[in-house]
Amino acid sequence: QVQLVESGGGLVQPGGSLRLSCAVSGRTFSVYSMGWFRQVPGKEREFVASIVRGGGRTTYARSVEGRFTIPGDNVKDTLYLQMSGLKPGDTAVYFCAAAPIVTRMYDYWGQGTQVTVSS
């Protein structure tokens, strides 16, 4: 129904920046909100940021607020995550997720993209 493909991950030095992308296809009109999550092996999946499609209402985890941003007021075919001031603690696999209008739960997930912050 909805397909998500993340890209943009890689190796970056502490204090650096990256922009992650999530390409959305399929029944995009049925999506209520989209979000970014991250996970480190051995730890639970962690919420990073979310936005109601079309822009407006955005939410950020306390750990990334002020450093990470979902840019744009009109999220349609691509969801971005602009990351700056990266720290080693940001190292994780980042996942894009979509919540359909009918459930408003994150039922659709991408494959993930690795972000490594190290010098």
C-alpha atoms as a PDB file:
ATOM      1  CA  GLN A   1       0.000   0.000   0.000  1.00  0.00           C
ATOM      2  CA  VAL A   2       2.748   2.434   1.008  1.00  0.00           C
ATOM      3  CA  GLN A   3       6.421   1.961   0.243  1.00  0.00           C
ATOM      4  CA  LEU A   4       9.231   3.801   2.009  1.00  0.00           C
ATOM      5  CA  VAL A   5      12.898   3.914   1.019  1.00  0.00           C
ATOM      6  CA  GLU A   6      15.469   5.712   3.165  1.00  0.00           C
ATOM      7  CA  SER A   7      18.759   7.097   1.930  1.00  0.00           C
ATOM      8  CA  GLY A   8      21.424   9.613   2.910  1.00  0.00           C
ATOM      9  CA  GLY A   9      23.111   7.839   5.782  1.00  0.00           C
ATOM     10  CA  GLY A  10      26.849   7.569   6.129  1.00  0.00           C
ATOM     11  CA  LEU A  11      29.898   8.402   8.200  1.00  0.00           C
ATOM     12  CA  VAL A  12      30.203  11.928   9.566  1.00  0.00           C
ATOM     13  CA  GLN A  13      32.487  13.615  12.094  1.00  0.00           C
ATOM     14  CA  PRO A  14      31.121  14.934  15.389  1.00  0.00           C
ATOM     15  CA  GLY A  15      29.582  18.344  14.857  1.00  0.00           C
ATOM     16  CA  GLY A  16      28.873  17.588  11.228  1.00  0.00           C
ATOM     17  CA  SER A  17      25.613  17.470   9.305  1.00  0.00           C
ATOM     18  CA  LEU A  18      23.623  14.975   7.249  1.00  0.00           C
ATOM     19  CA  ARG A  19      20.295  15.011   5.468  1.00  0.00           C
ATOM     20  CA  LEU A  20      18.309  11.800   5.379  1.00  0.00           C
ATOM     21  CA  SER A  21      15.647  11.215   2.738  1.00  0.00           C
ATOM     22  CA  CYS A  22      12.601   8.958   2.703  1.00  0.00           C
ATOM     23  CA  ALA A  23      10.964   8.405  -0.676  1.00  0.00           C
ATOM     24  CA  VAL A  24       7.245   7.660  -0.397  1.00  0.00           C
ATOM     25  CA  SER A  25       5.203   5.817  -3.015  1.00  0.00           C
ATOM     26  CA  GLY A  26       1.937   3.905  -3.303  1.00  0.00           C
ATOM     27  CA  ARG A  27      -1.256   5.053  -1.604  1.00  0.00           C
ATOM     28  CA  THR A  28       0.297   8.228  -0.273  1.00  0.00           C
ATOM     29  CA  PHE A  29      -3.088   9.922   0.047  1.00  0.00           C
ATOM     30  CA  SER A  30      -3.944   7.537   2.891  1.00  0.00           C
ATOM     31  CA  VAL A  31      -0.987   8.615   5.065  1.00  0.00           C
ATOM     32  CA  TYR A  32      -1.815  10.643   8.151  1.00  0.00           C
ATOM     33  CA  SER A  33       1.661  11.221   9.531  1.00  0.00           C
ATOM     34  CA  MET A  34       5.262  10.217   9.009  1.00  0.00           C
ATOM     35  CA  GLY A  35       8.118   9.843  11.397  1.00  0.00           C
ATOM     36  CA  TRP A  36      11.761   9.040  11.936  1.00  0.00           C
ATOM     37  CA  PHE A  37      12.977   6.438  14.416  1.00  0.00           C
ATOM     38  CA  ARG A  38      16.409   5.080  15.231  1.00  0.00           C
ATOM     39  CA  GLN A  39      17.750   1.928  16.794  1.00  0.00           C
ATOM     40  CA  VAL A  40      21.048   0.657  18.136  1.00  0.00           C
ATOM     41  CA  PRO A  41      21.635  -3.098  18.528  1.00  0.00           C
ATOM     42  CA  GLY A  42      20.668  -4.182  22.018  1.00  0.00           C
ATOM     43  CA  LYS A  43      18.465  -1.151  22.618  1.00  0.00           C
ATOM     44  CA  GLU A  44      14.808  -0.387  21.995  1.00  0.00           C
ATOM     45  CA  ARG A  45      13.671   1.587  18.994  1.00  0.00           C
ATOM     46  CA  GLU A  46      13.710   5.310  19.757  1.00  0.00           C
ATOM     47  CA  PHE A  47      11.435   8.030  18.434  1.00  0.00           C
ATOM     48  CA  VAL A  48      13.265  10.886  16.710  1.00  0.00           C
ATOM     49  CA  ALA A  49      10.778  13.157  14.945  1.00  0.00           C
ATOM     50  CA  SER A  50       7.392  13.189  13.238  1.00  0.00           C
ATOM     51  CA  ILE A  51       5.188  15.394  11.099  1.00  0.00           C
ATOM     52  CA  VAL A  52       1.601  15.422   9.903  1.00  0.00           C
ATOM     53  CA  ARG A  53       1.733  15.216   6.119  1.00  0.00           C
ATOM     54  CA  GLY A  54       1.287  18.595   4.540  1.00  0.00           C
ATOM     55  CA  GLY A  55       3.363  20.243   7.225  1.00  0.00           C
ATOM     56  CA  GLY A  56       2.389  22.156  10.308  1.00  0.00           C
ATOM     57  CA  ARG A  57       2.487  19.876  13.316  1.00  0.00           C
ATOM     58  CA  THR A  58       5.969  18.580  14.035  1.00  0.00           C
ATOM     59  CA  THR A  59       7.312  16.785  17.081  1.00  0.00           C
ATOM     60  CA  TYR A  60      10.918  16.149  18.097  1.00  0.00           C
ATOM     61  CA  ALA A  61      12.517  13.981  20.707  1.00  0.00           C
ATOM     62  CA  ARG A  62      14.131  15.947  23.512  1.00  0.00           C
ATOM     63  CA  SER A  63      17.512  14.484  22.642  1.00  0.00           C
ATOM     64  CA  VAL A  64      17.494  15.953  19.123  1.00  0.00           C
ATOM     65  CA  GLU A  65      15.381  19.090  19.469  1.00  0.00           C
ATOM     66  CA  GLY A  66      17.290  22.113  18.202  1.00  0.00           C
ATOM     67  CA  ARG A  67      19.645  19.946  16.165  1.00  0.00           C
ATOM     68  CA  PHE A  68      17.347  17.895  13.924  1.00  0.00           C
ATOM     69  CA  THR A  69      14.628  19.333  11.701  1.00  0.00           C
ATOM     70  CA  ILE A  70      12.000  17.990   9.324  1.00  0.00           C
ATOM     71  CA  PRO A  71      12.146  20.753   6.723  1.00  0.00           C
ATOM     72  CA  GLY A  72       9.375  21.984   4.516  1.00  0.00           C
ATOM     73  CA  ASP A  73       5.740  22.846   5.095  1.00  0.00           C
ATOM     74  CA  ASN A  74       4.506  20.535   2.349  1.00  0.00           C
ATOM     75  CA  VAL A  75       5.705  16.951   2.758  1.00  0.00           C
ATOM     76  CA  LYS A  76       4.485  14.967  -0.230  1.00  0.00           C
ATOM     77  CA  ASP A  77       6.728  12.517  -2.069  1.00  0.00           C
ATOM     78  CA  THR A  78       9.833  12.799   0.093  1.00  0.00           C
ATOM     79  CA  LEU A  79      10.323  13.136   3.831  1.00  0.00           C
ATOM     80  CA  TYR A  80      13.612  14.660   4.966  1.00  0.00           C
ATOM     81  CA  LEU A  81      15.480  14.775   8.232  1.00  0.00           C
ATOM     82  CA  GLN A  82      18.088  17.527   8.418  1.00  0.00           C
ATOM     83  CA  MET A  83      20.625  16.690  11.113  1.00  0.00           C
ATOM     84  CA  SER A  84      23.266  19.088  12.417  1.00  0.00           C
ATOM     85  CA  GLY A  85      25.542  19.206  15.414  1.00  0.00           C
ATOM     86  CA  LEU A  86      25.781  15.428  15.256  1.00  0.00           C
ATOM     87  CA  LYS A  87      27.096  13.568  18.274  1.00  0.00           C
ATOM     88  CA  PRO A  88      28.487  10.037  18.660  1.00  0.00           C
ATOM     89  CA  GLY A  89      25.279   9.200  20.534  1.00  0.00           C
ATOM     90  CA  ASP A  90      23.342   9.810  17.322  1.00  0.00           C
ATOM     91  CA  THR A  91      24.938   6.740  15.760  1.00  0.00           C
ATOM     92  CA  ALA A  92      22.145   4.325  14.851  1.00  0.00           C
ATOM     93  CA  VAL A  93      20.102   2.839  12.049  1.00  0.00           C
ATOM     94  CA  TYR A  94      17.485   5.412  11.120  1.00  0.00           C
ATOM     95  CA  PHE A  95      14.061   4.253   9.926  1.00  0.00           C
ATOM     96  CA  CYS A  96      11.299   6.119   8.153  1.00  0.00           C
ATOM     97  CA  ALA A  97       7.722   5.204   9.052  1.00  0.00           C
ATOM     98  CA  ALA A  98       4.219   6.101   7.887  1.00  0.00           C
ATOM     99  CA  ALA A  99       0.911   5.989   9.744  1.00  0.00           C
ATOM    100  CA  PRO A 100      -2.304   5.476   7.732  1.00  0.00           C
ATOM    101  CA  ILE A 101      -5.325   7.636   8.453  1.00  0.00           C
ATOM    102  CA  VAL A 102      -7.407   4.604   9.417  1.00  0.00           C
ATOM    103  CA  THR A 103      -5.117   3.463  12.248  1.00  0.00           C
ATOM    104  CA  ARG A 104      -2.772   6.380  12.943  1.00  0.00           C
ATOM    105  CA  MET A 105      -0.203   3.779  13.899  1.00  0.00           C
ATOM    106  CA  TYR A 106       3.147   3.315  12.191  1.00  0.00           C
ATOM    107  CA  ASP A 107       2.238   0.314  10.033  1.00  0.00           C
ATOM    108  CA  TYR A 108       4.703   0.995   7.221  1.00  0.00           C
ATOM    109  CA  TRP A 109       8.475   1.048   7.590  1.00  0.00           C
ATOM    110  CA  GLY A 110      11.502   1.525   5.401  1.00  0.00           C
ATOM    111  CA  GLN A 111      14.595  -0.662   5.392  1.00  0.00           C
ATOM    112  CA  GLY A 112      16.720   1.758   7.398  1.00  0.00           C
ATOM    113  CA  THR A 113      19.890   3.703   6.715  1.00  0.00           C
ATOM    114  CA  GLN A 114      23.016   3.657   8.878  1.00  0.00           C
ATOM    115  CA  VAL A 115      24.303   6.869  10.419  1.00  0.00           C
ATOM    116  CA  THR A 116      27.706   6.725  12.097  1.00  0.00           C
ATOM    117  CA  VAL A 117      29.141   9.725  13.939  1.00  0.00           C
ATOM    118  CA  SER A 118      32.823   9.212  14.657  1.00  0.00           C
ATOM    119  CA  SER A 119      36.204  10.839  14.201  1.00  0.00           C
END
